[in-house]
PDBML (XML) file of the C-alpha atoms, coordinates in Angstrom:
<?xml version="1.0" encoding="UTF-8" ?>
<PDBx:datablock datablockName="MODEL"
   xmlns:PDBx="http://pdbml.pdb.org/schema/pdbx-v50.xsd"
   xmlns:xsi="http://www.w3.org/2001/XMLSchema-instance"
   xsi:schemaLocation="http://pdbml.pdb.org/schema/pdbx-v50.xsd pdbx-v50.xsd">
   <PDBx:atom_siteCategory>
      <PDBx:atom_site id="1">
         <PDBx:B_iso_or_equiv>0.00</PDBx:B_iso_or_equiv>
         <PDBx:Cartn_x>0.000</PDBx:Cartn_x>
         <PDBx:Cartn_y>0.000</PDBx:Cartn_y>
         <PDBx:Cartn_z>0.000</PDBx:Cartn_z>
         <PDBx:auth_asym_id>A</PDBx:auth_asym_id>
         <PDBx:auth_atom_id>CA</PDBx:auth_atom_id>
         <PDBx:auth_comp_id>LEU</PDBx:auth_comp_id>
         <PDBx:auth_seq_id>1</PDBx:auth_seq_id>
         <PDBx:group_PDB>ATOM</PDBx:group_PDB>
         <PDBx:label_alt_id xsi:nil="true" />
         <PDBx:label_asym_id>A</PDBx:label_asym_id>
         <PDBx:label_atom_id>CA</PDBx:label_atom_id>
         <PDBx:label_comp_id>LEU</PDBx:label_comp_id>
         <PDBx:label_entity_id>1</PDBx:label_entity_id>
         <PDBx:label_seq_id>1</PDBx:label_seq_id>
         <PDBx:occupancy>1.00</PDBx:occupancy>
         <PDBx:pdbx_PDB_model_num>1</PDBx:pdbx_PDB_model_num>
         <PDBx:type_symbol>C</PDBx:type_symbol>
      </PDBx:atom_site>
      <PDBx:atom_site id="2">
         <PDBx:B_iso_or_equiv>0.00</PDBx:B_iso_or_equiv>
         <PDBx:Cartn_x>1.033</PDBx:Cartn_x>
         <PDBx:Cartn_y>3.557</PDBx:Cartn_y>
         <PDBx:Cartn_z>-0.567</PDBx:Cartn_z>
         <PDBx:auth_asym_id>A</PDBx:auth_asym_id>
         <PDBx:auth_atom_id>CA</PDBx:auth_atom_id>
         <PDBx:auth_comp_id>THR</PDBx:auth_comp_id>
         <PDBx:auth_seq_id>2</PDBx:auth_seq_id>
         <PDBx:group_PDB>ATOM</PDBx:group_PDB>
         <PDBx:label_alt_id xsi:nil="true" />
         <PDBx:label_asym_id>A</PDBx:label_asym_id>
         <PDBx:label_atom_id>CA</PDBx:label_atom_id>
         <PDBx:label_comp_id>THR</PDBx:label_comp_id>
         <PDBx:label_entity_id>1</PDBx:label_entity_id>
         <PDBx:label_seq_id>2</PDBx:label_seq_id>
         <PDBx:occupancy>1.00</PDBx:occupancy>
         <PDBx:pdbx_PDB_model_num>1</PDBx:pdbx_PDB_model_num>
         <PDBx:type_symbol>C</PDBx:type_symbol>
      </PDBx:atom_site>
      <PDBx:atom_site id="3">
         <PDBx:B_iso_or_equiv>0.00</PDBx:B_iso_or_equiv>
         <PDBx:Cartn_x>1.402</PDBx:Cartn_x>
         <PDBx:Cartn_y>5.990</PDBx:Cartn_y>
         <PDBx:Cartn_z>2.303</PDBx:Cartn_z>
         <PDBx:auth_asym_id>A</PDBx:auth_asym_id>
         <PDBx:auth_atom_id>CA</PDBx:auth_atom_id>
         <PDBx:auth_comp_id>ALA</PDBx:auth_comp_id>
         <PDBx:auth_seq_id>3</PDBx:auth_seq_id>
         <PDBx:group_PDB>ATOM</PDBx:group_PDB>
         <PDBx:label_alt_id xsi:nil="true" />
         <PDBx:label_asym_id>A</PDBx:label_asym_id>
         <PDBx:label_atom_id>CA</PDBx:label_atom_id>
         <PDBx:label_comp_id>ALA</PDBx:label_comp_id>
         <PDBx:label_entity_id>1</PDBx:label_entity_id>
         <PDBx:label_seq_id>3</PDBx:label_seq_id>
         <PDBx:occupancy>1.00</PDBx:occupancy>
         <PDBx:pdbx_PDB_model_num>1</PDBx:pdbx_PDB_model_num>
         <PDBx:type_symbol>C</PDBx:type_symbol>
      </PDBx:atom_site>
      <PDBx:atom_site id="4">
         <PDBx:B_iso_or_equiv>0.00</PDBx:B_iso_or_equiv>
         <PDBx:Cartn_x>-1.976</PDBx:Cartn_x>
         <PDBx:Cartn_y>7.569</PDBx:Cartn_y>
         <PDBx:Cartn_z>1.482</PDBx:Cartn_z>
         <PDBx:auth_asym_id>A</PDBx:auth_asym_id>
         <PDBx:auth_atom_id>CA</PDBx:auth_atom_id>
         <PDBx:auth_comp_id>LYS</PDBx:auth_comp_id>
         <PDBx:auth_seq_id>4</PDBx:auth_seq_id>
         <PDBx:group_PDB>ATOM</PDBx:group_PDB>
         <PDBx:label_alt_id xsi:nil="true" />
         <PDBx:label_asym_id>A</PDBx:label_asym_id>
         <PDBx:label_atom_id>CA</PDBx:label_atom_id>
         <PDBx:label_comp_id>LYS</PDBx:label_comp_id>
         <PDBx:label_entity_id>1</PDBx:label_entity_id>
         <PDBx:label_seq_id>4</PDBx:label_seq_id>
         <PDBx:occupancy>1.00</PDBx:occupancy>
         <PDBx:pdbx_PDB_model_num>1</PDBx:pdbx_PDB_model_num>
         <PDBx:type_symbol>C</PDBx:type_symbol>
      </PDBx:atom_site>
      <PDBx:atom_site id="5">
         <PDBx:B_iso_or_equiv>0.00</PDBx:B_iso_or_equiv>
         <PDBx:Cartn_x>-3.698</PDBx:Cartn_x>
         <PDBx:Cartn_y>4.181</PDBx:Cartn_y>
         <PDBx:Cartn_z>1.382</PDBx:Cartn_z>
         <PDBx:auth_asym_id>A</PDBx:auth_asym_id>
         <PDBx:auth_atom_id>CA</PDBx:auth_atom_id>
         <PDBx:auth_comp_id>GLU</PDBx:auth_comp_id>
         <PDBx:auth_seq_id>5</PDBx:auth_seq_id>
         <PDBx:group_PDB>ATOM</PDBx:group_PDB>
         <PDBx:label_alt_id xsi:nil="true" />
         <PDBx:label_asym_id>A</PDBx:label_asym_id>
         <PDBx:label_atom_id>CA</PDBx:label_atom_id>
         <PDBx:label_comp_id>GLU</PDBx:label_comp_id>
         <PDBx:label_entity_id>1</PDBx:label_entity_id>
         <PDBx:label_seq_id>5</PDBx:label_seq_id>
         <PDBx:occupancy>1.00</PDBx:occupancy>
         <PDBx:pdbx_PDB_model_num>1</PDBx:pdbx_PDB_model_num>
         <PDBx:type_symbol>C</PDBx:type_symbol>
      </PDBx:atom_site>
      <PDBx:atom_site id="6">
         <PDBx:B_iso_or_equiv>0.00</PDBx:B_iso_or_equiv>
         <PDBx:Cartn_x>-2.088</PDBx:Cartn_x>
         <PDBx:Cartn_y>3.195</PDBx:Cartn_y>
         <PDBx:Cartn_z>4.694</PDBx:Cartn_z>
         <PDBx:auth_asym_id>A</PDBx:auth_asym_id>
         <PDBx:auth_atom_id>CA</PDBx:auth_atom_id>
         <PDBx:auth_comp_id>LYS</PDBx:auth_comp_id>
         <PDBx:auth_seq_id>6</PDBx:auth_seq_id>
         <PDBx:group_PDB>ATOM</PDBx:group_PDB>
         <PDBx:label_alt_id xsi:nil="true" />
         <PDBx:label_asym_id>A</PDBx:label_asym_id>
         <PDBx:label_atom_id>CA</PDBx:label_atom_id>
         <PDBx:label_comp_id>LYS</PDBx:label_comp_id>
         <PDBx:label_entity_id>1</PDBx:label_entity_id>
         <PDBx:label_seq_id>6</PDBx:label_seq_id>
         <PDBx:occupancy>1.00</PDBx:occupancy>
         <PDBx:pdbx_PDB_model_num>1</PDBx:pdbx_PDB_model_num>
         <PDBx:type_symbol>C</PDBx:type_symbol>
      </PDBx:atom_site>
      <PDBx:atom_site id="7">
         <PDBx:B_iso_or_equiv>0.00</PDBx:B_iso_or_equiv>
         <PDBx:Cartn_x>-3.334</PDBx:Cartn_x>
         <PDBx:Cartn_y>6.412</PDBx:Cartn_y>
         <PDBx:Cartn_z>6.272</PDBx:Cartn_z>
         <PDBx:auth_asym_id>A</PDBx:auth_asym_id>
         <PDBx:auth_atom_id>CA</PDBx:auth_atom_id>
         <PDBx:auth_comp_id>LYS</PDBx:auth_comp_id>
         <PDBx:auth_seq_id>7</PDBx:auth_seq_id>
         <PDBx:group_PDB>ATOM</PDBx:group_PDB>
         <PDBx:label_alt_id xsi:nil="true" />
         <PDBx:label_asym_id>A</PDBx:label_asym_id>
         <PDBx:label_atom_id>CA</PDBx:label_atom_id>
         <PDBx:label_comp_id>LYS</PDBx:label_comp_id>
         <PDBx:label_entity_id>1</PDBx:label_entity_id>
         <PDBx:label_seq_id>7</PDBx:label_seq_id>
         <PDBx:occupancy>1.00</PDBx:occupancy>
         <PDBx:pdbx_PDB_model_num>1</PDBx:pdbx_PDB_model_num>
         <PDBx:type_symbol>C</PDBx:type_symbol>
      </PDBx:atom_site>
      <PDBx:atom_site id="8">
         <PDBx:B_iso_or_equiv>0.00</PDBx:B_iso_or_equiv>
         <PDBx:Cartn_x>-6.867</PDBx:Cartn_x>
         <PDBx:Cartn_y>5.879</PDBx:Cartn_y>
         <PDBx:Cartn_z>4.944</PDBx:Cartn_z>
         <PDBx:auth_asym_id>A</PDBx:auth_asym_id>
         <PDBx:auth_atom_id>CA</PDBx:auth_atom_id>
         <PDBx:auth_comp_id>GLN</PDBx:auth_comp_id>
         <PDBx:auth_seq_id>8</PDBx:auth_seq_id>
         <PDBx:group_PDB>ATOM</PDBx:group_PDB>
         <PDBx:label_alt_id xsi:nil="true" />
         <PDBx:label_asym_id>A</PDBx:label_asym_id>
         <PDBx:label_atom_id>CA</PDBx:label_atom_id>
         <PDBx:label_comp_id>GLN</PDBx:label_comp_id>
         <PDBx:label_entity_id>1</PDBx:label_entity_id>
         <PDBx:label_seq_id>8</PDBx:label_seq_id>
         <PDBx:occupancy>1.00</PDBx:occupancy>
         <PDBx:pdbx_PDB_model_num>1</PDBx:pdbx_PDB_model_num>
         <PDBx:type_symbol>C</PDBx:type_symbol>
      </PDBx:atom_site>
      <PDBx:atom_site id="9">
         <PDBx:B_iso_or_equiv>0.00</PDBx:B_iso_or_equiv>
         <PDBx:Cartn_x>-6.881</PDBx:Cartn_x>
         <PDBx:Cartn_y>2.288</PDBx:Cartn_y>
         <PDBx:Cartn_z>6.155</PDBx:Cartn_z>
         <PDBx:auth_asym_id>A</PDBx:auth_asym_id>
         <PDBx:auth_atom_id>CA</PDBx:auth_atom_id>
         <PDBx:auth_comp_id>ARG</PDBx:auth_comp_id>
         <PDBx:auth_seq_id>9</PDBx:auth_seq_id>
         <PDBx:group_PDB>ATOM</PDBx:group_PDB>
         <PDBx:label_alt_id xsi:nil="true" />
         <PDBx:label_asym_id>A</PDBx:label_asym_id>
         <PDBx:label_atom_id>CA</PDBx:label_atom_id>
         <PDBx:label_comp_id>ARG</PDBx:label_comp_id>
         <PDBx:label_entity_id>1</PDBx:label_entity_id>
         <PDBx:label_seq_id>9</PDBx:label_seq_id>
         <PDBx:occupancy>1.00</PDBx:occupancy>
         <PDBx:pdbx_PDB_model_num>1</PDBx:pdbx_PDB_model_num>
         <PDBx:type_symbol>C</PDBx:type_symbol>
      </PDBx:atom_site>
      <PDBx:atom_site id="10">
         <PDBx:B_iso_or_equiv>0.00</PDBx:B_iso_or_equiv>
         <PDBx:Cartn_x>-5.646</PDBx:Cartn_x>
         <PDBx:Cartn_y>3.346</PDBx:Cartn_y>
         <PDBx:Cartn_z>9.600</PDBx:Cartn_z>
         <PDBx:auth_asym_id>A</PDBx:auth_asym_id>
         <PDBx:auth_atom_id>CA</PDBx:auth_atom_id>
         <PDBx:auth_comp_id>SER</PDBx:auth_comp_id>
         <PDBx:auth_seq_id>10</PDBx:auth_seq_id>
         <PDBx:group_PDB>ATOM</PDBx:group_PDB>
         <PDBx:label_alt_id xsi:nil="true" />
         <PDBx:label_asym_id>A</PDBx:label_asym_id>
         <PDBx:label_atom_id>CA</PDBx:label_atom_id>
         <PDBx:label_comp_id>SER</PDBx:label_comp_id>
         <PDBx:label_entity_id>1</PDBx:label_entity_id>
         <PDBx:label_seq_id>10</PDBx:label_seq_id>
         <PDBx:occupancy>1.00</PDBx:occupancy>
         <PDBx:pdbx_PDB_model_num>1</PDBx:pdbx_PDB_model_num>
         <PDBx:type_symbol>C</PDBx:type_symbol>
      </PDBx:atom_site>
      <PDBx:atom_site id="11">
         <PDBx:B_iso_or_equiv>0.00</PDBx:B_iso_or_equiv>
         <PDBx:Cartn_x>-8.431</PDBx:Cartn_x>
         <PDBx:Cartn_y>5.925</PDBx:Cartn_y>
         <PDBx:Cartn_z>9.844</PDBx:Cartn_z>
         <PDBx:auth_asym_id>A</PDBx:auth_asym_id>
         <PDBx:auth_atom_id>CA</PDBx:auth_atom_id>
         <PDBx:auth_comp_id>LEU</PDBx:auth_comp_id>
         <PDBx:auth_seq_id>11</PDBx:auth_seq_id>
         <PDBx:group_PDB>ATOM</PDBx:group_PDB>
         <PDBx:label_alt_id xsi:nil="true" />
         <PDBx:label_asym_id>A</PDBx:label_asym_id>
         <PDBx:label_atom_id>CA</PDBx:label_atom_id>
         <PDBx:label_comp_id>LEU</PDBx:label_comp_id>
         <PDBx:label_entity_id>1</PDBx:label_entity_id>
         <PDBx:label_seq_id>11</PDBx:label_seq_id>
         <PDBx:occupancy>1.00</PDBx:occupancy>
         <PDBx:pdbx_PDB_model_num>1</PDBx:pdbx_PDB_model_num>
         <PDBx:type_symbol>C</PDBx:type_symbol>
      </PDBx:atom_site>
      <PDBx:atom_site id="12">
         <PDBx:B_iso_or_equiv>0.00</PDBx:B_iso_or_equiv>
         <PDBx:Cartn_x>-11.027</PDBx:Cartn_x>
         <PDBx:Cartn_y>3.361</PDBx:Cartn_y>
         <PDBx:Cartn_z>8.792</PDBx:Cartn_z>
         <PDBx:auth_asym_id>A</PDBx:auth_asym_id>
         <PDBx:auth_atom_id>CA</PDBx:auth_atom_id>
         <PDBx:auth_comp_id>GLU</PDBx:auth_comp_id>
         <PDBx:auth_seq_id>12</PDBx:auth_seq_id>
         <PDBx:group_PDB>ATOM</PDBx:group_PDB>
         <PDBx:label_alt_id xsi:nil="true" />
         <PDBx:label_asym_id>A</PDBx:label_asym_id>
         <PDBx:label_atom_id>CA</PDBx:label_atom_id>
         <PDBx:label_comp_id>GLU</PDBx:label_comp_id>
         <PDBx:label_entity_id>1</PDBx:label_entity_id>
         <PDBx:label_seq_id>12</PDBx:label_seq_id>
         <PDBx:occupancy>1.00</PDBx:occupancy>
         <PDBx:pdbx_PDB_model_num>1</PDBx:pdbx_PDB_model_num>
         <PDBx:type_symbol>C</PDBx:type_symbol>
      </PDBx:atom_site>
      <PDBx:atom_site id="13">
         <PDBx:B_iso_or_equiv>0.00</PDBx:B_iso_or_equiv>
         <PDBx:Cartn_x>-9.738</PDBx:Cartn_x>
         <PDBx:Cartn_y>0.823</PDBx:Cartn_y>
         <PDBx:Cartn_z>11.314</PDBx:Cartn_z>
         <PDBx:auth_asym_id>A</PDBx:auth_asym_id>
         <PDBx:auth_atom_id>CA</PDBx:auth_atom_id>
         <PDBx:auth_comp_id>ILE</PDBx:auth_comp_id>
         <PDBx:auth_seq_id>13</PDBx:auth_seq_id>
         <PDBx:group_PDB>ATOM</PDBx:group_PDB>
         <PDBx:label_alt_id xsi:nil="true" />
         <PDBx:label_asym_id>A</PDBx:label_asym_id>
         <PDBx:label_atom_id>CA</PDBx:label_atom_id>
         <PDBx:label_comp_id>ILE</PDBx:label_comp_id>
         <PDBx:label_entity_id>1</PDBx:label_entity_id>
         <PDBx:label_seq_id>13</PDBx:label_seq_id>
         <PDBx:occupancy>1.00</PDBx:occupancy>
         <PDBx:pdbx_PDB_model_num>1</PDBx:pdbx_PDB_model_num>
         <PDBx:type_symbol>C</PDBx:type_symbol>
      </PDBx:atom_site>
      <PDBx:atom_site id="14">
         <PDBx:B_iso_or_equiv>0.00</PDBx:B_iso_or_equiv>
         <PDBx:Cartn_x>-9.792</PDBx:Cartn_x>
         <PDBx:Cartn_y>3.492</PDBx:Cartn_y>
         <PDBx:Cartn_z>14.051</PDBx:Cartn_z>
         <PDBx:auth_asym_id>A</PDBx:auth_asym_id>
         <PDBx:auth_atom_id>CA</PDBx:auth_atom_id>
         <PDBx:auth_comp_id>GLU</PDBx:auth_comp_id>
         <PDBx:auth_seq_id>14</PDBx:auth_seq_id>
         <PDBx:group_PDB>ATOM</PDBx:group_PDB>
         <PDBx:label_alt_id xsi:nil="true" />
         <PDBx:label_asym_id>A</PDBx:label_asym_id>
         <PDBx:label_atom_id>CA</PDBx:label_atom_id>
         <PDBx:label_comp_id>GLU</PDBx:label_comp_id>
         <PDBx:label_entity_id>1</PDBx:label_entity_id>
         <PDBx:label_seq_id>14</PDBx:label_seq_id>
         <PDBx:occupancy>1.00</PDBx:occupancy>
         <PDBx:pdbx_PDB_model_num>1</PDBx:pdbx_PDB_model_num>
         <PDBx:type_symbol>C</PDBx:type_symbol>
      </PDBx:atom_site>
      <PDBx:atom_site id="15">
         <PDBx:B_iso_or_equiv>0.00</PDBx:B_iso_or_equiv>
         <PDBx:Cartn_x>-13.373</PDBx:Cartn_x>
         <PDBx:Cartn_y>4.377</PDBx:Cartn_y>
         <PDBx:Cartn_z>13.120</PDBx:Cartn_z>
         <PDBx:auth_asym_id>A</PDBx:auth_asym_id>
         <PDBx:auth_atom_id>CA</PDBx:auth_atom_id>
         <PDBx:auth_comp_id>LYS</PDBx:auth_comp_id>
         <PDBx:auth_seq_id>15</PDBx:auth_seq_id>
         <PDBx:group_PDB>ATOM</PDBx:group_PDB>
         <PDBx:label_alt_id xsi:nil="true" />
         <PDBx:label_asym_id>A</PDBx:label_asym_id>
         <PDBx:label_atom_id>CA</PDBx:label_atom_id>
         <PDBx:label_comp_id>LYS</PDBx:label_comp_id>
         <PDBx:label_entity_id>1</PDBx:label_entity_id>
         <PDBx:label_seq_id>15</PDBx:label_seq_id>
         <PDBx:occupancy>1.00</PDBx:occupancy>
         <PDBx:pdbx_PDB_model_num>1</PDBx:pdbx_PDB_model_num>
         <PDBx:type_symbol>C</PDBx:type_symbol>
      </PDBx:atom_site>
      <PDBx:atom_site id="16">
         <PDBx:B_iso_or_equiv>0.00</PDBx:B_iso_or_equiv>
         <PDBx:Cartn_x>-14.448</PDBx:Cartn_x>
         <PDBx:Cartn_y>0.735</PDBx:Cartn_y>
         <PDBx:Cartn_z>13.344</PDBx:Cartn_z>
         <PDBx:auth_asym_id>A</PDBx:auth_asym_id>
         <PDBx:auth_atom_id>CA</PDBx:auth_atom_id>
         <PDBx:auth_comp_id>ILE</PDBx:auth_comp_id>
         <PDBx:auth_seq_id>16</PDBx:auth_seq_id>
         <PDBx:group_PDB>ATOM</PDBx:group_PDB>
         <PDBx:label_alt_id xsi:nil="true" />
         <PDBx:label_asym_id>A</PDBx:label_asym_id>
         <PDBx:label_atom_id>CA</PDBx:label_atom_id>
         <PDBx:label_comp_id>ILE</PDBx:label_comp_id>
         <PDBx:label_entity_id>1</PDBx:label_entity_id>
         <PDBx:label_seq_id>16</PDBx:label_seq_id>
         <PDBx:occupancy>1.00</PDBx:occupancy>
         <PDBx:pdbx_PDB_model_num>1</PDBx:pdbx_PDB_model_num>
         <PDBx:type_symbol>C</PDBx:type_symbol>
      </PDBx:atom_site>
      <PDBx:atom_site id="17">
         <PDBx:B_iso_or_equiv>0.00</PDBx:B_iso_or_equiv>
         <PDBx:Cartn_x>-12.698</PDBx:Cartn_x>
         <PDBx:Cartn_y>0.164</PDBx:Cartn_y>
         <PDBx:Cartn_z>16.693</PDBx:Cartn_z>
         <PDBx:auth_asym_id>A</PDBx:auth_asym_id>
         <PDBx:auth_atom_id>CA</PDBx:auth_atom_id>
         <PDBx:auth_comp_id>ILE</PDBx:auth_comp_id>
         <PDBx:auth_seq_id>17</PDBx:auth_seq_id>
         <PDBx:group_PDB>ATOM</PDBx:group_PDB>
         <PDBx:label_alt_id xsi:nil="true" />
         <PDBx:label_asym_id>A</PDBx:label_asym_id>
         <PDBx:label_atom_id>CA</PDBx:label_atom_id>
         <PDBx:label_comp_id>ILE</PDBx:label_comp_id>
         <PDBx:label_entity_id>1</PDBx:label_entity_id>
         <PDBx:label_seq_id>17</PDBx:label_seq_id>
         <PDBx:occupancy>1.00</PDBx:occupancy>
         <PDBx:pdbx_PDB_model_num>1</PDBx:pdbx_PDB_model_num>
         <PDBx:type_symbol>C</PDBx:type_symbol>
      </PDBx:atom_site>
      <PDBx:atom_site id="18">
         <PDBx:B_iso_or_equiv>0.00</PDBx:B_iso_or_equiv>
         <PDBx:Cartn_x>-14.366</PDBx:Cartn_x>
         <PDBx:Cartn_y>3.255</PDBx:Cartn_y>
         <PDBx:Cartn_z>18.165</PDBx:Cartn_z>
         <PDBx:auth_asym_id>A</PDBx:auth_asym_id>
         <PDBx:auth_atom_id>CA</PDBx:auth_atom_id>
         <PDBx:auth_comp_id>SER</PDBx:auth_comp_id>
         <PDBx:auth_seq_id>18</PDBx:auth_seq_id>
         <PDBx:group_PDB>ATOM</PDBx:group_PDB>
         <PDBx:label_alt_id xsi:nil="true" />
         <PDBx:label_asym_id>A</PDBx:label_asym_id>
         <PDBx:label_atom_id>CA</PDBx:label_atom_id>
         <PDBx:label_comp_id>SER</PDBx:label_comp_id>
         <PDBx:label_entity_id>1</PDBx:label_entity_id>
         <PDBx:label_seq_id>18</PDBx:label_seq_id>
         <PDBx:occupancy>1.00</PDBx:occupancy>
         <PDBx:pdbx_PDB_model_num>1</PDBx:pdbx_PDB_model_num>
         <PDBx:type_symbol>C</PDBx:type_symbol>
      </PDBx:atom_site>
      <PDBx:atom_site id="19">
         <PDBx:B_iso_or_equiv>0.00</PDBx:B_iso_or_equiv>
         <PDBx:Cartn_x>-17.728</PDBx:Cartn_x>
         <PDBx:Cartn_y>1.507</PDBx:Cartn_y>
         <PDBx:Cartn_z>17.651</PDBx:Cartn_z>
         <PDBx:auth_asym_id>A</PDBx:auth_asym_id>
         <PDBx:auth_atom_id>CA</PDBx:auth_atom_id>
         <PDBx:auth_comp_id>CYS</PDBx:auth_comp_id>
         <PDBx:auth_seq_id>19</PDBx:auth_seq_id>
         <PDBx:group_PDB>ATOM</PDBx:group_PDB>
         <PDBx:label_alt_id xsi:nil="true" />
         <PDBx:label_asym_id>A</PDBx:label_asym_id>
         <PDBx:label_atom_id>CA</PDBx:label_atom_id>
         <PDBx:label_comp_id>CYS</PDBx:label_comp_id>
         <PDBx:label_entity_id>1</PDBx:label_entity_id>
         <PDBx:label_seq_id>19</PDBx:label_seq_id>
         <PDBx:occupancy>1.00</PDBx:occupancy>
         <PDBx:pdbx_PDB_model_num>1</PDBx:pdbx_PDB_model_num>
         <PDBx:type_symbol>C</PDBx:type_symbol>
      </PDBx:atom_site>
      <PDBx:atom_site id="20">
         <PDBx:B_iso_or_equiv>0.00</PDBx:B_iso_or_equiv>
         <PDBx:Cartn_x>-16.662</PDBx:Cartn_x>
         <PDBx:Cartn_y>-1.649</PDBx:Cartn_y>
         <PDBx:Cartn_z>19.517</PDBx:Cartn_z>
         <PDBx:auth_asym_id>A</PDBx:auth_asym_id>
         <PDBx:auth_atom_id>CA</PDBx:auth_atom_id>
         <PDBx:auth_comp_id>LEU</PDBx:auth_comp_id>
         <PDBx:auth_seq_id>20</PDBx:auth_seq_id>
         <PDBx:group_PDB>ATOM</PDBx:group_PDB>
         <PDBx:label_alt_id xsi:nil="true" />
         <PDBx:label_asym_id>A</PDBx:label_asym_id>
         <PDBx:label_atom_id>CA</PDBx:label_atom_id>
         <PDBx:label_comp_id>LEU</PDBx:label_comp_id>
         <PDBx:label_entity_id>1</PDBx:label_entity_id>
         <PDBx:label_seq_id>20</PDBx:label_seq_id>
         <PDBx:occupancy>1.00</PDBx:occupancy>
         <PDBx:pdbx_PDB_model_num>1</PDBx:pdbx_PDB_model_num>
         <PDBx:type_symbol>C</PDBx:type_symbol>
      </PDBx:atom_site>
      <PDBx:atom_site id="21">
         <PDBx:B_iso_or_equiv>0.00</PDBx:B_iso_or_equiv>
         <PDBx:Cartn_x>-16.894</PDBx:Cartn_x>
         <PDBx:Cartn_y>-2.357</PDBx:Cartn_y>
         <PDBx:Cartn_z>23.276</PDBx:Cartn_z>
         <PDBx:auth_asym_id>A</PDBx:auth_asym_id>
         <PDBx:auth_atom_id>CA</PDBx:auth_atom_id>
         <PDBx:auth_comp_id>PRO</PDBx:auth_comp_id>
         <PDBx:auth_seq_id>21</PDBx:auth_seq_id>
         <PDBx:group_PDB>ATOM</PDBx:group_PDB>
         <PDBx:label_alt_id xsi:nil="true" />
         <PDBx:label_asym_id>A</PDBx:label_asym_id>
         <PDBx:label_atom_id>CA</PDBx:label_atom_id>
         <PDBx:label_comp_id>PRO</PDBx:label_comp_id>
         <PDBx:label_entity_id>1</PDBx:label_entity_id>
         <PDBx:label_seq_id>21</PDBx:label_seq_id>
         <PDBx:occupancy>1.00</PDBx:occupancy>
         <PDBx:pdbx_PDB_model_num>1</PDBx:pdbx_PDB_model_num>
         <PDBx:type_symbol>C</PDBx:type_symbol>
      </PDBx:atom_site>
      <PDBx:atom_site id="22">
         <PDBx:B_iso_or_equiv>0.00</PDBx:B_iso_or_equiv>
         <PDBx:Cartn_x>-14.516</PDBx:Cartn_x>
         <PDBx:Cartn_y>-0.662</PDBx:Cartn_y>
         <PDBx:Cartn_z>25.717</PDBx:Cartn_z>
         <PDBx:auth_asym_id>A</PDBx:auth_asym_id>
         <PDBx:auth_atom_id>CA</PDBx:auth_atom_id>
         <PDBx:auth_comp_id>LEU</PDBx:auth_comp_id>
         <PDBx:auth_seq_id>22</PDBx:auth_seq_id>
         <PDBx:group_PDB>ATOM</PDBx:group_PDB>
         <PDBx:label_alt_id xsi:nil="true" />
         <PDBx:label_asym_id>A</PDBx:label_asym_id>
         <PDBx:label_atom_id>CA</PDBx:label_atom_id>
         <PDBx:label_comp_id>LEU</PDBx:label_comp_id>
         <PDBx:label_entity_id>1</PDBx:label_entity_id>
         <PDBx:label_seq_id>22</PDBx:label_seq_id>
         <PDBx:occupancy>1.00</PDBx:occupancy>
         <PDBx:pdbx_PDB_model_num>1</PDBx:pdbx_PDB_model_num>
         <PDBx:type_symbol>C</PDBx:type_symbol>
      </PDBx:atom_site>
      <PDBx:atom_site id="23">
         <PDBx:B_iso_or_equiv>0.00</PDBx:B_iso_or_equiv>
         <PDBx:Cartn_x>-12.108</PDBx:Cartn_x>
         <PDBx:Cartn_y>-3.610</PDBx:Cartn_y>
         <PDBx:Cartn_z>26.030</PDBx:Cartn_z>
         <PDBx:auth_asym_id>A</PDBx:auth_asym_id>
         <PDBx:auth_atom_id>CA</PDBx:auth_atom_id>
         <PDBx:auth_comp_id>GLU</PDBx:auth_comp_id>
         <PDBx:auth_seq_id>23</PDBx:auth_seq_id>
         <PDBx:group_PDB>ATOM</PDBx:group_PDB>
         <PDBx:label_alt_id xsi:nil="true" />
         <PDBx:label_asym_id>A</PDBx:label_asym_id>
         <PDBx:label_atom_id>CA</PDBx:label_atom_id>
         <PDBx:label_comp_id>GLU</PDBx:label_comp_id>
         <PDBx:label_entity_id>1</PDBx:label_entity_id>
         <PDBx:label_seq_id>23</PDBx:label_seq_id>
         <PDBx:occupancy>1.00</PDBx:occupancy>
         <PDBx:pdbx_PDB_model_num>1</PDBx:pdbx_PDB_model_num>
         <PDBx:type_symbol>C</PDBx:type_symbol>
      </PDBx:atom_site>
      <PDBx:atom_site id="24">
         <PDBx:B_iso_or_equiv>0.00</PDBx:B_iso_or_equiv>
         <PDBx:Cartn_x>-11.287</PDBx:Cartn_x>
         <PDBx:Cartn_y>-3.303</PDBx:Cartn_y>
         <PDBx:Cartn_z>22.309</PDBx:Cartn_z>
         <PDBx:auth_asym_id>A</PDBx:auth_asym_id>
         <PDBx:auth_atom_id>CA</PDBx:auth_atom_id>
         <PDBx:auth_comp_id>PHE</PDBx:auth_comp_id>
         <PDBx:auth_seq_id>24</PDBx:auth_seq_id>
         <PDBx:group_PDB>ATOM</PDBx:group_PDB>
         <PDBx:label_alt_id xsi:nil="true" />
         <PDBx:label_asym_id>A</PDBx:label_asym_id>
         <PDBx:label_atom_id>CA</PDBx:label_atom_id>
         <PDBx:label_comp_id>PHE</PDBx:label_comp_id>
         <PDBx:label_entity_id>1</PDBx:label_entity_id>
         <PDBx:label_seq_id>24</PDBx:label_seq_id>
         <PDBx:occupancy>1.00</PDBx:occupancy>
         <PDBx:pdbx_PDB_model_num>1</PDBx:pdbx_PDB_model_num>
         <PDBx:type_symbol>C</PDBx:type_symbol>
      </PDBx:atom_site>
      <PDBx:atom_site id="25">
         <PDBx:B_iso_or_equiv>0.00</PDBx:B_iso_or_equiv>
         <PDBx:Cartn_x>-10.937</PDBx:Cartn_x>
         <PDBx:Cartn_y>0.507</PDBx:Cartn_y>
         <PDBx:Cartn_z>22.414</PDBx:Cartn_z>
         <PDBx:auth_asym_id>A</PDBx:auth_asym_id>
         <PDBx:auth_atom_id>CA</PDBx:auth_atom_id>
         <PDBx:auth_comp_id>ARG</PDBx:auth_comp_id>
         <PDBx:auth_seq_id>25</PDBx:auth_seq_id>
         <PDBx:group_PDB>ATOM</PDBx:group_PDB>
         <PDBx:label_alt_id xsi:nil="true" />
         <PDBx:label_asym_id>A</PDBx:label_asym_id>
         <PDBx:label_atom_id>CA</PDBx:label_atom_id>
         <PDBx:label_comp_id>ARG</PDBx:label_comp_id>
         <PDBx:label_entity_id>1</PDBx:label_entity_id>
         <PDBx:label_seq_id>25</PDBx:label_seq_id>
         <PDBx:occupancy>1.00</PDBx:occupancy>
         <PDBx:pdbx_PDB_model_num>1</PDBx:pdbx_PDB_model_num>
         <PDBx:type_symbol>C</PDBx:type_symbol>
      </PDBx:atom_site>
   </PDBx:atom_siteCategory>
</PDBx:datablock>
């Protein structure tokens, strides 16, 4: 992945984890 794609994927992963229970956040 390029640096831009890595950044977008990291943001998407962070957005998904923020919706999970506290032990995963």
